[in-house]
Amino acid sequence: MNKTALNDEKEKLGTYARFLPSLELKRDQLLVERIRAARRLADTDRDLRELVGAVGEALPMLANRGVDLDGLVRVRAVDMGRERVLGMDLPVLRAVDIAVADYGCLTTPHWVDAVASRLGTAMRLRMSLRVERERLAIVERALKKVNQRINLFEKVLIPHAERNVKAIQIALSDAEKAAVVRAKLAKRKRLGPRL
C-alpha cells in the first residue's frame, strides 16, 4: 500500500483500457466474417437443395432401377488451400476434379449424360458445403475466444485494478492524515503545556 503499488495498478489499468478497444474491434470484424461465412454456407446449401429438387423434376426416370448408376461419378481430386483472414487460417476450396466413369452411349439411356453432369455439380456443392461449414466453425471458435477475453478484461481485470487503485488511494490518504495528526501532536508535546 504505497505509491509504487499505486503506480503499478494505474499502469495495469491503463494497459487493460488500451487493449480492450482492439479486442472489441476484432470481435466486430469476426462478427462480420461470421455473417459472411454463414451467408455463404446458406447459399451453398440452398443451391444444393435446389439442384436435388431440379434433378427430381427434370429426370423422373431416375426412379428406374434397371439402370445402374453406382460409380457413375466420383471425386478424383480436391485442391484445398488456406486463406488468412483476421489472423485465422481458413480453408478454401480451389477445385474439385470429378471423374465420370465410362459407359456405353448406345447401351445406356440418353438421360445418363444429364445425370452425370448434375451429379458432378452436386459433388462439387457438397465439398463446398463441407468447407463452408469448417470455415464457419473456425470463425465461431475465434469469436468465442475473443468474447472470453473481452469478458475477462471487462468483468475481472479492469474492475479488480480499479478496486486496487481505490483501496491504495484510501490507504495512502489515511496514512497522510495520520501523519499530519502525529505531527501536530508531536509539535504540541514539544512546545509544552499552555497556560
Protein backbone atom coordinates (compact mmCIF):
# COMPACT_ATOMS: atom_id res chain seq x y z
CA MET A 1 0.00 0.00 0.00
CA ASN A 2 2.46 2.59 -1.22
CA LYS A 3 2.79 4.95 -4.14
CA THR A 4 4.80 2.41 -6.16
CA ALA A 5 1.96 -0.11 -5.86
CA LEU A 6 -0.50 2.64 -6.81
CA ASN A 7 1.51 3.49 -9.93
CA ASP A 8 1.76 -0.21 -10.85
CA GLU A 9 -2.01 -0.65 -10.55
CA LYS A 10 -2.69 2.53 -12.55
CA GLU A 11 -0.30 1.27 -15.24
CA LYS A 12 -2.11 -2.08 -15.37
CA LEU A 13 -5.45 -0.30 -15.61
CA GLY A 14 -4.15 1.84 -18.47
CA THR A 15 -2.84 -1.22 -20.30
CA TYR A 16 -6.16 -3.03 -19.93
CA ALA A 17 -8.06 0.03 -21.10
CA ARG A 18 -5.74 0.29 -24.12
CA PHE A 19 -6.18 -3.38 -25.14
CA LEU A 20 -9.95 -3.54 -24.70
CA PRO A 21 -10.87 -1.40 -27.75
CA SER A 22 -8.67 -3.50 -30.03
CA LEU A 23 -10.35 -6.67 -28.76
CA GLU A 24 -13.77 -5.11 -29.34
CA LEU A 25 -12.74 -4.16 -32.88
CA LYS A 26 -11.59 -7.71 -33.54
CA ARG A 27 -14.90 -9.02 -32.19
CA ASP A 28 -16.78 -6.71 -34.57
CA GLN A 29 -14.67 -7.88 -37.52
CA LEU A 30 -15.21 -11.52 -36.53
CA LEU A 31 -18.96 -10.92 -36.32
CA VAL A 32 -18.91 -9.56 -39.87
CA GLU A 33 -16.86 -12.54 -41.04
CA ARG A 34 -19.22 -14.94 -39.28
CA ILE A 35 -22.21 -13.35 -41.03
CA ARG A 36 -20.38 -13.64 -44.36
CA ALA A 37 -19.45 -17.30 -43.73
CA ALA A 38 -22.99 -18.17 -42.61
CA ARG A 39 -24.41 -16.49 -45.71
CA ARG A 40 -22.06 -18.45 -48.00
CA LEU A 41 -22.97 -21.67 -46.20
CA ALA A 42 -26.69 -20.93 -46.54
CA ASP A 43 -26.29 -20.06 -50.25
CA THR A 44 -24.37 -23.27 -50.95
CA ASP A 45 -26.90 -25.33 -49.02
CA ARG A 46 -29.76 -23.68 -50.92
CA ASP A 47 -28.03 -24.31 -54.26
CA LEU A 48 -27.59 -27.98 -53.38
CA ARG A 49 -31.22 -28.38 -52.32
CA GLU A 50 -32.40 -26.62 -55.48
CA LEU A 51 -30.22 -28.88 -57.61
CA VAL A 52 -31.57 -32.01 -55.94
CA GLY A 53 -35.13 -30.76 -56.40
CA ALA A 54 -34.50 -29.84 -60.03
CA VAL A 55 -32.99 -33.26 -60.74
CA GLY A 56 -36.10 -34.93 -59.33
CA GLU A 57 -38.33 -32.82 -61.55
CA ALA A 58 -36.23 -32.91 -64.73
CA LEU A 59 -35.19 -36.54 -64.55
CA PRO A 60 -38.07 -38.62 -63.16
CA MET A 61 -36.56 -41.59 -64.97
CA LEU A 62 -34.04 -41.90 -62.11
CA ALA A 63 -36.71 -43.95 -60.39
CA ASN A 64 -36.00 -46.67 -62.95
CA ARG A 65 -33.93 -49.17 -61.00
CA GLY A 66 -32.99 -51.03 -64.17
CA VAL A 67 -30.20 -48.54 -64.96
CA ASP A 68 -27.16 -48.98 -62.73
CA LEU A 69 -25.74 -45.57 -61.81
CA ASP A 70 -23.43 -46.73 -59.00
CA GLY A 71 -19.92 -45.43 -59.53
CA LEU A 72 -21.00 -43.23 -62.44
CA VAL A 73 -19.38 -40.15 -60.93
CA ARG A 74 -16.63 -39.92 -58.31
CA VAL A 75 -14.30 -37.31 -56.90
CA ARG A 76 -10.84 -37.79 -58.35
CA ALA A 77 -9.02 -34.97 -56.54
CA VAL A 78 -9.74 -31.99 -54.34
CA ASP A 79 -7.49 -28.94 -54.38
CA MET A 80 -7.66 -27.22 -50.99
CA GLY A 81 -5.91 -24.05 -49.96
CA ARG A 82 -5.69 -21.76 -46.96
CA GLU A 83 -6.74 -18.16 -46.69
CA ARG A 84 -5.53 -15.87 -43.90
CA VAL A 85 -8.41 -13.78 -42.57
CA LEU A 86 -8.18 -11.81 -39.31
CA GLY A 87 -5.34 -13.96 -38.08
CA MET A 88 -7.13 -17.23 -38.83
CA ASP A 89 -6.21 -19.83 -41.42
CA LEU A 90 -9.46 -20.62 -43.19
CA PRO A 91 -9.82 -23.46 -45.70
CA VAL A 92 -10.57 -22.60 -49.31
CA LEU A 93 -11.85 -24.99 -51.94
CA ARG A 94 -9.88 -24.21 -55.07
CA ALA A 95 -11.04 -27.02 -57.34
CA VAL A 96 -12.77 -30.38 -57.35
CA ASP A 97 -11.78 -32.83 -60.08
CA ILE A 98 -14.73 -35.05 -60.95
CA ALA A 99 -14.27 -38.27 -62.90
CA VAL A 100 -17.13 -39.73 -64.90
CA ALA A 101 -16.97 -43.47 -65.44
CA ASP A 102 -17.01 -44.74 -68.99
CA TYR A 103 -20.37 -46.01 -70.11
CA GLY A 104 -21.63 -47.08 -73.46
CA CYS A 105 -23.58 -44.40 -75.26
CA LEU A 106 -25.62 -46.97 -77.16
CA THR A 107 -26.27 -49.29 -74.23
CA THR A 108 -27.38 -46.66 -71.71
CA PRO A 109 -30.30 -44.25 -71.91
CA HIS A 110 -29.65 -40.74 -73.22
CA TRP A 111 -30.54 -39.08 -69.89
CA VAL A 112 -27.48 -40.62 -68.15
CA ASP A 113 -25.39 -37.73 -69.57
CA ALA A 114 -27.58 -35.20 -67.73
CA VAL A 115 -27.43 -37.29 -64.56
CA ALA A 116 -23.62 -37.47 -64.72
CA SER A 117 -23.38 -33.71 -65.20
CA ARG A 118 -25.72 -32.94 -62.31
CA LEU A 119 -24.09 -35.50 -60.02
CA GLY A 120 -20.74 -33.81 -60.65
CA THR A 121 -22.25 -30.43 -59.77
CA ALA A 122 -23.83 -31.92 -56.64
CA MET A 123 -20.47 -33.39 -55.55
CA ARG A 124 -18.78 -30.02 -56.01
CA LEU A 125 -21.53 -28.36 -53.97
CA ARG A 126 -21.22 -30.97 -51.21
CA MET A 127 -17.46 -30.42 -50.99
CA SER A 128 -18.04 -26.68 -50.93
CA LEU A 129 -20.65 -27.14 -48.21
CA ARG A 130 -18.19 -29.13 -46.11
CA VAL A 131 -15.53 -26.42 -46.49
CA GLU A 132 -18.01 -23.63 -45.68
CA ARG A 133 -19.07 -25.47 -42.50
CA GLU A 134 -15.44 -25.79 -41.45
CA ARG A 135 -14.83 -22.08 -42.15
CA LEU A 136 -17.85 -21.11 -40.07
CA ALA A 137 -16.75 -23.37 -37.19
CA ILE A 138 -13.27 -21.81 -37.16
CA VAL A 139 -14.69 -18.27 -37.15
CA GLU A 140 -17.11 -19.14 -34.36
CA ARG A 141 -14.30 -20.62 -32.24
CA ALA A 142 -12.22 -17.47 -32.74
CA LEU A 143 -15.22 -15.30 -31.88
CA LYS A 144 -15.82 -17.30 -28.71
CA LYS A 145 -12.20 -16.87 -27.66
CA VAL A 146 -12.27 -13.09 -28.28
CA ASN A 147 -15.55 -12.79 -26.34
CA GLN A 148 -13.96 -14.65 -23.43
CA ARG A 149 -11.00 -12.25 -23.47
CA ILE A 150 -13.29 -9.22 -23.60
CA ASN A 151 -15.28 -10.57 -20.67
CA LEU A 152 -12.04 -11.21 -18.77
CA PHE A 153 -10.96 -7.60 -19.27
CA GLU A 154 -14.40 -6.01 -18.66
CA LYS A 155 -15.59 -8.14 -15.77
CA VAL A 156 -12.41 -9.24 -13.99
CA LEU A 157 -9.17 -7.42 -14.74
CA ILE A 158 -10.38 -3.81 -15.09
CA PRO A 159 -12.73 -3.88 -12.05
CA HIS A 160 -10.03 -5.61 -9.97
CA ALA A 161 -7.45 -2.97 -10.92
CA GLU A 162 -9.95 -0.16 -10.21
CA ARG A 163 -10.70 -1.62 -6.76
CA ASN A 164 -6.97 -1.91 -6.04
CA VAL A 165 -6.34 1.71 -7.11
CA LYS A 166 -9.21 2.92 -4.93
CA ALA A 167 -8.05 0.86 -1.92
CA ILE A 168 -4.46 2.08 -2.25
CA GLN A 169 -5.60 5.70 -2.62
CA ILE A 170 -7.75 5.40 0.51
CA ALA A 171 -4.89 3.78 2.44
CA LEU A 172 -2.44 6.50 1.32
CA SER A 173 -4.94 9.22 2.21
CA ASP A 174 -5.50 7.68 5.65
CA ALA A 175 -1.75 7.37 6.18
CA GLU A 176 -1.26 11.00 5.17
CA LYS A 177 -3.98 12.19 7.58
CA ALA A 178 -2.48 10.09 10.36
CA ALA A 179 0.94 11.58 9.69
CA VAL A 180 -0.50 15.11 9.93
CA VAL A 181 -2.20 14.27 13.22
CA ARG A 182 1.02 12.74 14.60
CA ALA A 183 2.98 15.81 13.54
CA LYS A 184 0.52 18.13 15.32
CA LEU A 185 0.65 16.00 18.46
CA ALA A 186 4.45 15.96 18.39
CA LYS A 187 4.51 19.75 17.94
CA ARG A 188 2.20 20.22 20.94
CA LYS A 189 4.38 17.97 23.10
CA ARG A 190 7.48 19.85 22.09
CA LEU A 191 6.00 23.24 22.81
CA GLY A 192 4.76 22.08 26.19
CA PRO A 193 1.58 22.85 28.06
CA ARG A 194 0.00 26.23 27.53
CA LEU A 195 -1.44 28.22 30.30
